[in-house]
Amino acid sequence: MVSKTAFSRIGRELRDYFLILIGTNITALALIWFLVPNRIAAGGVSGLATIFYHLWSWPISLVILVVNIPLILVYLKIFGAGNGVKTFVGATFLSVAVEFWAKHAGGLTDDPFLAALFGGALAGVGMGLTFRYHGTTGGTDLAAKLVHRFTGLSIGKALYLFDGLVILLAGIVFGGPEAALYAVVALVATGRAIDLVLEGLNYAKAALIISDQAPRIGQRILDELQRGVTSLNGSGLYSGTAKEVLLCVIGRAEEIRLKELVRAEDPRAFMIFTDVREVLGEGFKQF
């Protein structure tokens, strides 16, 4: 019999592949609706495919597939098949989706700024969804990882290098700096949308509280805010005295309540608040 754990694992895998399929279709629509018709090559293999399409009418889906296949094969050979199956699937899904939507959809606007903004954001949503469920769309992501492996150049710098070269080429081919600037707008919008999908809107606050009344403050946080609190051992380097430091993570709307609570117990308490982009665990998002 197949165990419950095995069923759960199969379910997660099927979910991942389904959402990778959705993500690649959204990315393909961003290309067909906005970016390709307006000659916006916002980096990556899709940007390169956009340039080749307008230069020589090469099918976008074919260029994406032809460029991705050797990158994926090298990636699989170096990093192992276990690290590349969903990469292969994501890149293949993207090519198929682009081919499909190229036949069934068309451009939505001829305003290049709107196309860069909305096309970049939509592509970011699709790519973010693909990344979130352990896939990629191939392209410069893989190239950057390979360059990092062989040269030591950071993945982030390698990505900037590849995307920058594609944007520069777009500016040259499409006749001026405006084409490159629109591509930069799209690239920024893509990055922001990817972050939004991966990290969400549910920002939280982390608070560090240093007070002589730490036990009482901690108990009130537990009772009134119903948030967990961790007690850390600290020491003031100037005074040389031991200090108890409280660490807790709260929702943004609870920050004022926490400040008032701490002030009521110890007006001289030292508090540090910082934004937290993602929190996993009880009381927040589950794993």
C-alpha atoms as a PDB file:
ATOM      1  CA  MET A   1       0.000   0.000   0.000  1.00  0.00           C
ATOM      2  CA  VAL A   2       1.085   3.556  -0.683  1.00  0.00           C
ATOM      3  CA  SER A   3       1.590   5.459   2.535  1.00  0.00           C
ATOM      4  CA  LYS A   4      -0.193   8.692   3.403  1.00  0.00           C
ATOM      5  CA  THR A   5       3.178  10.468   3.228  1.00  0.00           C
ATOM      6  CA  ALA A   6       3.729   9.212  -0.320  1.00  0.00           C
ATOM      7  CA  PHE A   7       0.248  10.396  -1.357  1.00  0.00           C
ATOM      8  CA  SER A   8       0.986  13.793   0.152  1.00  0.00           C
ATOM      9  CA  ARG A   9       4.288  14.030  -1.707  1.00  0.00           C
ATOM     10  CA  ILE A  10       2.638  13.070  -5.014  1.00  0.00           C
ATOM     11  CA  GLY A  11      -0.070  15.655  -4.383  1.00  0.00           C
ATOM     12  CA  ARG A  12       2.529  18.371  -3.800  1.00  0.00           C
ATOM     13  CA  GLU A  13       4.384  17.406  -6.965  1.00  0.00           C
ATOM     14  CA  LEU A  14       1.201  17.522  -9.067  1.00  0.00           C
ATOM     15  CA  ARG A  15       0.317  20.886  -7.524  1.00  0.00           C
ATOM     16  CA  ASP A  16       3.791  22.223  -8.347  1.00  0.00           C
ATOM     17  CA  TYR A  17       3.614  21.159 -11.992  1.00  0.00           C
ATOM     18  CA  PHE A  18       0.097  22.552 -12.388  1.00  0.00           C
ATOM     19  CA  LEU A  19       1.083  25.950 -10.965  1.00  0.00           C
ATOM     20  CA  ILE A  20       4.284  26.006 -13.042  1.00  0.00           C
ATOM     21  CA  LEU A  21       2.000  25.500 -16.051  1.00  0.00           C
ATOM     22  CA  ILE A  22      -0.171  28.434 -14.927  1.00  0.00           C
ATOM     23  CA  GLY A  23       2.889  30.616 -14.293  1.00  0.00           C
ATOM     24  CA  THR A  24       4.439  29.952 -17.698  1.00  0.00           C
ATOM     25  CA  ASN A  25       1.132  30.725 -19.414  1.00  0.00           C
ATOM     26  CA  ILE A  26       0.910  34.057 -17.603  1.00  0.00           C
ATOM     27  CA  THR A  27       4.494  34.841 -18.664  1.00  0.00           C
ATOM     28  CA  ALA A  28       3.664  33.901 -22.255  1.00  0.00           C
ATOM     29  CA  LEU A  29       0.633  36.211 -22.221  1.00  0.00           C
ATOM     30  CA  ALA A  30       2.813  39.081 -20.997  1.00  0.00           C
ATOM     31  CA  LEU A  31       5.019  38.567 -24.042  1.00  0.00           C
ATOM     32  CA  ILE A  32       2.191  38.243 -26.554  1.00  0.00           C
ATOM     33  CA  TRP A  33      -0.093  40.950 -25.124  1.00  0.00           C
ATOM     34  CA  PHE A  34       2.469  43.624 -24.291  1.00  0.00           C
ATOM     35  CA  LEU A  35       6.193  43.110 -24.780  1.00  0.00           C
ATOM     36  CA  VAL A  36       6.700  41.564 -28.214  1.00  0.00           C
ATOM     37  CA  PRO A  37       4.243  43.793 -30.160  1.00  0.00           C
ATOM     38  CA  ASN A  38       5.916  46.893 -28.701  1.00  0.00           C
ATOM     39  CA  ARG A  39       9.507  45.706 -29.259  1.00  0.00           C
ATOM     40  CA  ILE A  40      10.339  45.633 -25.569  1.00  0.00           C
ATOM     41  CA  ALA A  41      13.194  43.214 -24.905  1.00  0.00           C
ATOM     42  CA  ALA A  42      13.430  43.229 -21.109  1.00  0.00           C
ATOM     43  CA  GLY A  43      16.445  40.961 -20.790  1.00  0.00           C
ATOM     44  CA  GLY A  44      16.588  37.194 -20.698  1.00  0.00           C
ATOM     45  CA  VAL A  45      16.006  34.664 -23.440  1.00  0.00           C
ATOM     46  CA  SER A  46      12.518  36.047 -24.087  1.00  0.00           C
ATOM     47  CA  GLY A  47      14.076  39.461 -24.725  1.00  0.00           C
ATOM     48  CA  LEU A  48      16.547  37.904 -27.139  1.00  0.00           C
ATOM     49  CA  ALA A  49      13.683  36.080 -28.856  1.00  0.00           C
ATOM     50  CA  THR A  50      11.812  39.389 -29.190  1.00  0.00           C
ATOM     51  CA  ILE A  51      14.804  40.947 -30.958  1.00  0.00           C
ATOM     52  CA  PHE A  52      15.201  37.993 -33.337  1.00  0.00           C
ATOM     53  CA  TYR A  53      11.472  37.992 -34.064  1.00  0.00           C
ATOM     54  CA  HIS A  54      11.505  41.611 -35.200  1.00  0.00           C
ATOM     55  CA  LEU A  55      14.790  41.250 -37.088  1.00  0.00           C
ATOM     56  CA  TRP A  56      14.164  38.022 -38.986  1.00  0.00           C
ATOM     57  CA  SER A  57      10.618  36.902 -38.022  1.00  0.00           C
ATOM     58  CA  TRP A  58      11.973  33.885 -36.140  1.00  0.00           C
ATOM     59  CA  PRO A  59       9.240  32.266 -34.010  1.00  0.00           C
ATOM     60  CA  ILE A  60       9.585  33.386 -30.404  1.00  0.00           C
ATOM     61  CA  SER A  61       8.739  29.952 -29.030  1.00  0.00           C
ATOM     62  CA  LEU A  62      11.404  28.283 -31.180  1.00  0.00           C
ATOM     63  CA  VAL A  63      14.138  30.730 -30.148  1.00  0.00           C
ATOM     64  CA  ILE A  64      13.279  30.261 -26.461  1.00  0.00           C
ATOM     65  CA  LEU A  65      13.413  26.484 -26.842  1.00  0.00           C
ATOM     66  CA  VAL A  66      16.602  26.396 -28.942  1.00  0.00           C
ATOM     67  CA  VAL A  67      18.483  28.671 -26.531  1.00  0.00           C
ATOM     68  CA  ASN A  68      17.178  26.907 -23.432  1.00  0.00           C
ATOM     69  CA  ILE A  69      17.840  23.288 -24.445  1.00  0.00           C
ATOM     70  CA  PRO A  70      21.676  23.430 -24.427  1.00  0.00           C
ATOM     71  CA  LEU A  71      21.643  25.490 -21.221  1.00  0.00           C
ATOM     72  CA  ILE A  72      19.388  22.929 -19.551  1.00  0.00           C
ATOM     73  CA  LEU A  73      21.487  19.976 -20.739  1.00  0.00           C
ATOM     74  CA  VAL A  74      24.691  21.547 -19.401  1.00  0.00           C
ATOM     75  CA  TYR A  75      22.913  22.445 -16.162  1.00  0.00           C
ATOM     76  CA  LEU A  76      21.647  18.878 -15.719  1.00  0.00           C
ATOM     77  CA  LYS A  77      25.086  17.435 -16.387  1.00  0.00           C
ATOM     78  CA  ILE A  78      26.787  19.688 -13.847  1.00  0.00           C
ATOM     79  CA  PHE A  79      24.175  19.944 -11.096  1.00  0.00           C
ATOM     80  CA  GLY A  80      22.396  16.614 -11.537  1.00  0.00           C
ATOM     81  CA  ALA A  81      18.985  15.586 -12.854  1.00  0.00           C
ATOM     82  CA  GLY A  82      17.304  16.088  -9.490  1.00  0.00           C
ATOM     83  CA  ASN A  83      17.943  19.832  -9.758  1.00  0.00           C
ATOM     84  CA  GLY A  84      16.716  20.284 -13.306  1.00  0.00           C
ATOM     85  CA  VAL A  85      13.516  18.366 -14.001  1.00  0.00           C
ATOM     86  CA  LYS A  86      11.198  21.258 -13.133  1.00  0.00           C
ATOM     87  CA  THR A  87      13.544  23.640 -14.932  1.00  0.00           C
ATOM     88  CA  PHE A  88      13.194  21.544 -18.089  1.00  0.00           C
ATOM     89  CA  VAL A  89       9.427  21.358 -17.642  1.00  0.00           C
ATOM     90  CA  GLY A  90       9.112  25.108 -17.014  1.00  0.00           C
ATOM     91  CA  ALA A  91      11.183  26.064 -20.063  1.00  0.00           C
ATOM     92  CA  THR A  92       9.246  23.625 -22.268  1.00  0.00           C
ATOM     93  CA  PHE A  93       5.887  24.815 -20.937  1.00  0.00           C
ATOM     94  CA  LEU A  94       6.888  28.407 -21.690  1.00  0.00           C
ATOM     95  CA  SER A  95       7.752  27.649 -25.317  1.00  0.00           C
ATOM     96  CA  VAL A  96       4.512  25.737 -25.846  1.00  0.00           C
ATOM     97  CA  ALA A  97       2.470  28.485 -24.156  1.00  0.00           C
ATOM     98  CA  VAL A  98       4.075  31.219 -26.273  1.00  0.00           C
ATOM     99  CA  GLU A  99       3.344  29.247 -29.446  1.00  0.00           C
ATOM    100  CA  PHE A 100      -0.270  28.698 -28.375  1.00  0.00           C
ATOM    101  CA  TRP A 101      -1.014  32.286 -27.359  1.00  0.00           C
ATOM    102  CA  ALA A 102       0.752  33.705 -30.415  1.00  0.00           C
ATOM    103  CA  LYS A 103      -1.976  32.016 -32.468  1.00  0.00           C
ATOM    104  CA  HIS A 104      -4.897  32.909 -30.211  1.00  0.00           C
ATOM    105  CA  ALA A 105      -4.104  36.352 -28.785  1.00  0.00           C
ATOM    106  CA  GLY A 106      -2.738  39.702 -29.896  1.00  0.00           C
ATOM    107  CA  GLY A 107      -1.400  42.959 -28.529  1.00  0.00           C
ATOM    108  CA  LEU A 108      -3.555  44.927 -26.093  1.00  0.00           C
ATOM    109  CA  THR A 109      -1.903  48.340 -26.407  1.00  0.00           C
ATOM    110  CA  ASP A 110       0.476  50.213 -28.678  1.00  0.00           C
ATOM    111  CA  ASP A 111       1.597  52.576 -25.916  1.00  0.00           C
ATOM    112  CA  PRO A 112       5.165  51.459 -25.135  1.00  0.00           C
ATOM    113  CA  PHE A 113       5.156  52.768 -21.570  1.00  0.00           C
ATOM    114  CA  LEU A 114       1.928  50.966 -20.686  1.00  0.00           C
ATOM    115  CA  ALA A 115       3.242  47.865 -22.415  1.00  0.00           C
ATOM    116  CA  ALA A 116       6.509  48.007 -20.453  1.00  0.00           C
ATOM    117  CA  LEU A 117       4.733  48.570 -17.137  1.00  0.00           C
ATOM    118  CA  PHE A 118       1.934  46.039 -17.471  1.00  0.00           C
ATOM    119  CA  GLY A 119       3.930  43.547 -19.511  1.00  0.00           C
ATOM    120  CA  GLY A 120       6.779  43.597 -17.020  1.00  0.00           C
ATOM    121  CA  ALA A 121       4.411  43.242 -14.060  1.00  0.00           C
ATOM    122  CA  LEU A 122       2.448  40.400 -15.669  1.00  0.00           C
ATOM    123  CA  ALA A 123       5.639  38.584 -16.627  1.00  0.00           C
ATOM    124  CA  GLY A 124       6.835  38.978 -13.039  1.00  0.00           C
ATOM    125  CA  VAL A 125       3.615  37.447 -11.698  1.00  0.00           C
ATOM    126  CA  GLY A 126       4.035  34.467 -14.016  1.00  0.00           C
ATOM    127  CA  MET A 127       7.733  34.010 -13.277  1.00  0.00           C
ATOM    128  CA  GLY A 128       7.182  34.480  -9.551  1.00  0.00           C
ATOM    129  CA  LEU A 129       4.508  31.787  -9.567  1.00  0.00           C
ATOM    130  CA  THR A 130       6.848  29.470 -11.472  1.00  0.00           C
ATOM    131  CA  PHE A 131       9.727  30.149  -9.060  1.00  0.00           C
ATOM    132  CA  ARG A 132       7.501  29.740  -6.009  1.00  0.00           C
ATOM    133  CA  TYR A 133       6.718  26.183  -6.999  1.00  0.00           C
ATOM    134  CA  HIS A 134      10.337  25.238  -7.719  1.00  0.00           C
ATOM    135  CA  GLY A 135      10.405  25.724 -11.469  1.00  0.00           C
ATOM    136  CA  THR A 136      12.173  28.238 -13.693  1.00  0.00           C
ATOM    137  CA  THR A 137      11.672  29.520 -17.200  1.00  0.00           C
ATOM    138  CA  GLY A 138      15.288  28.689 -18.033  1.00  0.00           C
ATOM    139  CA  GLY A 139      17.315  31.280 -19.881  1.00  0.00           C
ATOM    140  CA  THR A 140      19.601  33.709 -18.112  1.00  0.00           C
ATOM    141  CA  ASP A 141      18.844  32.181 -14.698  1.00  0.00           C
ATOM    142  CA  LEU A 142      20.617  29.002 -15.791  1.00  0.00           C
ATOM    143  CA  ALA A 143      23.364  30.877 -17.621  1.00  0.00           C
ATOM    144  CA  ALA A 144      24.050  32.946 -14.491  1.00  0.00           C
ATOM    145  CA  LYS A 145      24.315  29.816 -12.335  1.00  0.00           C
ATOM    146  CA  LEU A 146      26.734  28.219 -14.805  1.00  0.00           C
ATOM    147  CA  VAL A 147      28.881  31.365 -14.969  1.00  0.00           C
ATOM    148  CA  HIS A 148      28.929  31.467 -11.170  1.00  0.00           C
ATOM    149  CA  ARG A 149      30.026  27.831 -11.043  1.00  0.00           C
ATOM    150  CA  PHE A 150      32.952  28.315 -13.421  1.00  0.00           C
ATOM    151  CA  THR A 151      34.081  31.893 -12.718  1.00  0.00           C
ATOM    152  CA  GLY A 152      32.953  32.660  -9.173  1.00  0.00           C
ATOM    153  CA  LEU A 153      31.030  35.732 -10.371  1.00  0.00           C
ATOM    154  CA  SER A 154      27.950  36.152  -8.208  1.00  0.00           C
ATOM    155  CA  ILE A 155      24.634  35.013  -9.699  1.00  0.00           C
ATOM    156  CA  GLY A 156      23.143  38.488  -9.232  1.00  0.00           C
ATOM    157  CA  LYS A 157      25.986  40.183 -11.126  1.00  0.00           C
ATOM    158  CA  ALA A 158      25.845  37.575 -13.870  1.00  0.00           C
ATOM    159  CA  LEU A 159      22.113  38.188 -14.286  1.00  0.00           C
ATOM    160  CA  TYR A 160      22.688  41.933 -14.513  1.00  0.00           C
ATOM    161  CA  LEU A 161      25.393  41.293 -17.111  1.00  0.00           C
ATOM    162  CA  PHE A 162      23.223  39.086 -19.344  1.00  0.00           C
ATOM    163  CA  ASP A 163      20.090  41.216 -19.029  1.00  0.00           C
ATOM    164  CA  GLY A 164      22.123  44.371 -19.603  1.00  0.00           C
ATOM    165  CA  LEU A 165      23.598  42.965 -22.810  1.00  0.00           C
ATOM    166  CA  VAL A 166      20.138  42.035 -24.119  1.00  0.00           C
ATOM    167  CA  ILE A 167      18.774  45.495 -23.284  1.00  0.00           C
ATOM    168  CA  LEU A 168      21.792  47.143 -24.930  1.00  0.00           C
ATOM    169  CA  LEU A 169      21.254  45.030 -28.033  1.00  0.00           C
ATOM    170  CA  ALA A 170      17.575  46.029 -28.063  1.00  0.00           C
ATOM    171  CA  GLY A 171      18.552  49.693 -27.941  1.00  0.00           C
ATOM    172  CA  ILE A 172      20.867  49.209 -30.911  1.00  0.00           C
ATOM    173  CA  VAL A 173      18.496  47.082 -32.995  1.00  0.00           C
ATOM    174  CA  PHE A 174      15.332  49.058 -32.276  1.00  0.00           C
ATOM    175  CA  GLY A 175      16.945  52.390 -32.972  1.00  0.00           C
ATOM    176  CA  GLY A 176      17.750  54.381 -29.897  1.00  0.00           C
ATOM    177  CA  PRO A 177      17.896  54.743 -26.128  1.00  0.00           C
ATOM    178  CA  GLU A 178      14.110  54.848 -25.696  1.00  0.00           C
ATOM    179  CA  ALA A 179      13.821  51.150 -26.549  1.00  0.00           C
ATOM    180  CA  ALA A 180      16.423  50.351 -23.899  1.00  0.00           C
ATOM    181  CA  LEU A 181      14.735  52.601 -21.341  1.00  0.00           C
ATOM    182  CA  TYR A 182      11.354  50.950 -21.870  1.00  0.00           C
ATOM    183  CA  ALA A 183      13.072  47.593 -21.430  1.00  0.00           C
ATOM    184  CA  VAL A 184      14.522  48.799 -18.114  1.00  0.00           C
ATOM    185  CA  VAL A 185      11.020  49.851 -16.961  1.00  0.00           C
ATOM    186  CA  ALA A 186       9.721  46.391 -17.824  1.00  0.00           C
ATOM    187  CA  LEU A 187      12.664  44.708 -16.074  1.00  0.00           C
ATOM    188  CA  VAL A 188      12.080  46.712 -12.865  1.00  0.00           C
ATOM    189  CA  ALA A 189       8.343  45.953 -12.954  1.00  0.00           C
ATOM    190  CA  THR A 190       9.133  42.263 -13.429  1.00  0.00           C
ATOM    191  CA  GLY A 191      11.470  42.224 -10.440  1.00  0.00           C
ATOM    192  CA  ARG A 192       8.958  43.945  -8.185  1.00  0.00           C
ATOM    193  CA  ALA A 193       6.162  41.591  -9.223  1.00  0.00           C
ATOM    194  CA  ILE A 194       8.363  38.535  -8.633  1.00  0.00           C
ATOM    195  CA  ASP A 195       9.136  39.790  -5.114  1.00  0.00           C
ATOM    196  CA  LEU A 196       5.439  40.374  -4.487  1.00  0.00           C
ATOM    197  CA  VAL A 197       4.480  36.842  -5.517  1.00  0.00           C
ATOM    198  CA  LEU A 198       7.327  35.199  -3.603  1.00  0.00           C
ATOM    199  CA  GLU A 199       7.034  37.265  -0.424  1.00  0.00           C
ATOM    200  CA  GLY A 200       3.412  38.407  -0.411  1.00  0.00           C
ATOM    201  CA  LEU A 201       1.826  41.539   1.027  1.00  0.00           C
ATOM    202  CA  ASN A 202       1.585  40.322   4.605  1.00  0.00           C
ATOM    203  CA  TYR A 203       4.559  42.201   5.966  1.00  0.00           C
ATOM    204  CA  ALA A 204       5.135  41.788   9.665  1.00  0.00           C
ATOM    205  CA  LYS A 205       7.195  43.613  12.283  1.00  0.00           C
ATOM    206  CA  ALA A 206       9.941  42.154  14.434  1.00  0.00           C
ATOM    207  CA  ALA A 207      10.479  43.890  17.772  1.00  0.00           C
ATOM    208  CA  LEU A 208      13.488  43.754  20.088  1.00  0.00           C
ATOM    209  CA  ILE A 209      12.707  45.078  23.562  1.00  0.00           C
ATOM    210  CA  ILE A 210      15.353  45.730  26.221  1.00  0.00           C
ATOM    211  CA  SER A 211      13.874  46.528  29.611  1.00  0.00           C
ATOM    212  CA  ASP A 212      14.328  45.883  33.319  1.00  0.00           C
ATOM    213  CA  GLN A 213      10.650  44.918  33.283  1.00  0.00           C
ATOM    214  CA  ALA A 214      11.078  42.290  30.585  1.00  0.00           C
ATOM    215  CA  PRO A 215       9.239  39.458  32.427  1.00  0.00           C
ATOM    216  CA  ARG A 216       6.131  41.586  32.952  1.00  0.00           C
ATOM    217  CA  ILE A 217       6.215  42.949  29.403  1.00  0.00           C
ATOM    218  CA  GLY A 218       6.639  39.443  28.001  1.00  0.00           C
ATOM    219  CA  GLN A 219       3.695  38.120  29.959  1.00  0.00           C
ATOM    220  CA  ARG A 220       1.456  40.949  28.779  1.00  0.00           C
ATOM    221  CA  ILE A 221       2.438  40.283  25.156  1.00  0.00           C
ATOM    222  CA  LEU A 222       1.487  36.638  25.637  1.00  0.00           C
ATOM    223  CA  ASP A 223      -1.823  37.499  27.331  1.00  0.00           C
ATOM    224  CA  GLU A 224      -3.000  40.600  25.481  1.00  0.00           C
ATOM    225  CA  LEU A 225      -1.492  40.314  22.002  1.00  0.00           C
ATOM    226  CA  GLN A 226      -1.428  36.515  22.051  1.00  0.00           C
ATOM    227  CA  ARG A 227       1.920  36.524  20.303  1.00  0.00           C
ATOM    228  CA  GLY A 228       4.896  34.354  21.118  1.00  0.00           C
ATOM    229  CA  VAL A 229       7.889  35.951  22.825  1.00  0.00           C
ATOM    230  CA  THR A 230      11.473  34.720  23.013  1.00  0.00           C
ATOM    231  CA  SER A 231      13.725  35.774  25.872  1.00  0.00           C
ATOM    232  CA  LEU A 232      17.385  36.316  24.942  1.00  0.00           C
ATOM    233  CA  ASN A 233      20.289  36.790  27.306  1.00  0.00           C
ATOM    234  CA  GLY A 234      22.192  40.001  26.702  1.00  0.00           C
ATOM    235  CA  SER A 235      24.767  42.181  28.372  1.00  0.00           C
ATOM    236  CA  GLY A 236      25.256  45.938  28.260  1.00  0.00           C
ATOM    237  CA  LEU A 237      28.870  46.540  27.240  1.00  0.00           C
ATOM    238  CA  TYR A 238      28.939  50.017  28.764  1.00  0.00           C
ATOM    239  CA  SER A 239      27.341  49.120  32.107  1.00  0.00           C
ATOM    240  CA  GLY A 240      28.516  45.528  32.232  1.00  0.00           C
ATOM    241  CA  THR A 241      25.129  44.450  33.584  1.00  0.00           C
ATOM    242  CA  ALA A 242      23.075  41.516  32.341  1.00  0.00           C
ATOM    243  CA  LYS A 243      20.052  42.423  30.219  1.00  0.00           C
ATOM    244  CA  GLU A 244      17.046  40.383  29.184  1.00  0.00           C
ATOM    245  CA  VAL A 245      16.076  41.007  25.558  1.00  0.00           C
ATOM    246  CA  LEU A 246      12.623  40.133  24.259  1.00  0.00           C
ATOM    247  CA  LEU A 247      12.094  39.173  20.634  1.00  0.00           C
ATOM    248  CA  CYS A 248       8.617  38.961  19.156  1.00  0.00           C
ATOM    249  CA  VAL A 249       7.059  39.151  15.705  1.00  0.00           C
ATOM    250  CA  ILE A 250       3.740  40.959  15.326  1.00  0.00           C
ATOM    251  CA  GLY A 251       1.399  42.085  12.581  1.00  0.00           C
ATOM    252  CA  ARG A 252       1.809  45.639  11.350  1.00  0.00           C
ATOM    253  CA  ALA A 253      -1.504  46.689  12.914  1.00  0.00           C
ATOM    254  CA  GLU A 254      -0.259  45.547  16.338  1.00  0.00           C
ATOM    255  CA  GLU A 255       2.783  47.825  16.475  1.00  0.00           C
ATOM    256  CA  ILE A 256       0.987  50.696  18.224  1.00  0.00           C
ATOM    257  CA  ARG A 257      -0.571  48.349  20.807  1.00  0.00           C
ATOM    258  CA  LEU A 258       2.837  46.867  21.565  1.00  0.00           C
ATOM    259  CA  LYS A 259       4.417  50.310  22.018  1.00  0.00           C
ATOM    260  CA  GLU A 260       1.663  51.369  24.387  1.00  0.00           C
ATOM    261  CA  LEU A 261       1.951  48.138  26.364  1.00  0.00           C
ATOM    262  CA  VAL A 262       5.724  48.491  26.751  1.00  0.00           C
ATOM    263  CA  ARG A 263       5.471  52.176  27.627  1.00  0.00           C
ATOM    264  CA  ALA A 264       2.938  51.395  30.363  1.00  0.00           C
ATOM    265  CA  GLU A 265       5.353  48.965  32.017  1.00  0.00           C
ATOM    266  CA  ASP A 266       8.620  50.793  31.390  1.00  0.00           C
ATOM    267  CA  PRO A 267       8.735  54.276  29.796  1.00  0.00           C
ATOM    268  CA  ARG A 268      12.524  53.965  29.526  1.00  0.00           C
ATOM    269  CA  ALA A 269      12.497  50.669  27.633  1.00  0.00           C
ATOM    270  CA  PHE A 270      14.656  50.446  24.519  1.00  0.00           C
ATOM    271  CA  MET A 271      12.751  49.144  21.467  1.00  0.00           C
ATOM    272  CA  ILE A 272      13.843  48.321  17.929  1.00  0.00           C
ATOM    273  CA  PHE A 273      11.306  47.629  15.166  1.00  0.00           C
ATOM    274  CA  THR A 274      12.175  46.256  11.759  1.00  0.00           C
ATOM    275  CA  ASP A 275      10.147  45.105   8.766  1.00  0.00           C
ATOM    276  CA  VAL A 276       9.901  41.359   8.200  1.00  0.00           C
ATOM    277  CA  ARG A 277       9.116  40.285   4.645  1.00  0.00           C
ATOM    278  CA  GLU A 278       7.970  36.751   5.393  1.00  0.00           C
ATOM    279  CA  VAL A 279       7.103  34.851   8.560  1.00  0.00           C
ATOM    280  CA  LEU A 280       6.441  31.113   8.643  1.00  0.00           C
ATOM    281  CA  GLY A 281       4.990  29.383  11.674  1.00  0.00           C
ATOM    282  CA  GLU A 282       2.156  29.475  14.161  1.00  0.00           C
ATOM    283  CA  GLY A 283       0.099  32.640  13.983  1.00  0.00           C
ATOM    284  CA  PHE A 284       1.456  33.498  10.537  1.00  0.00           C
ATOM    285  CA  LYS A 285       1.778  31.729   7.180  1.00  0.00           C
ATOM    286  CA  GLN A 286       2.233  27.974   7.368  1.00  0.00           C
ATOM    287  CA  PHE A 287       5.055  26.118   5.661  1.00  0.00           C
END
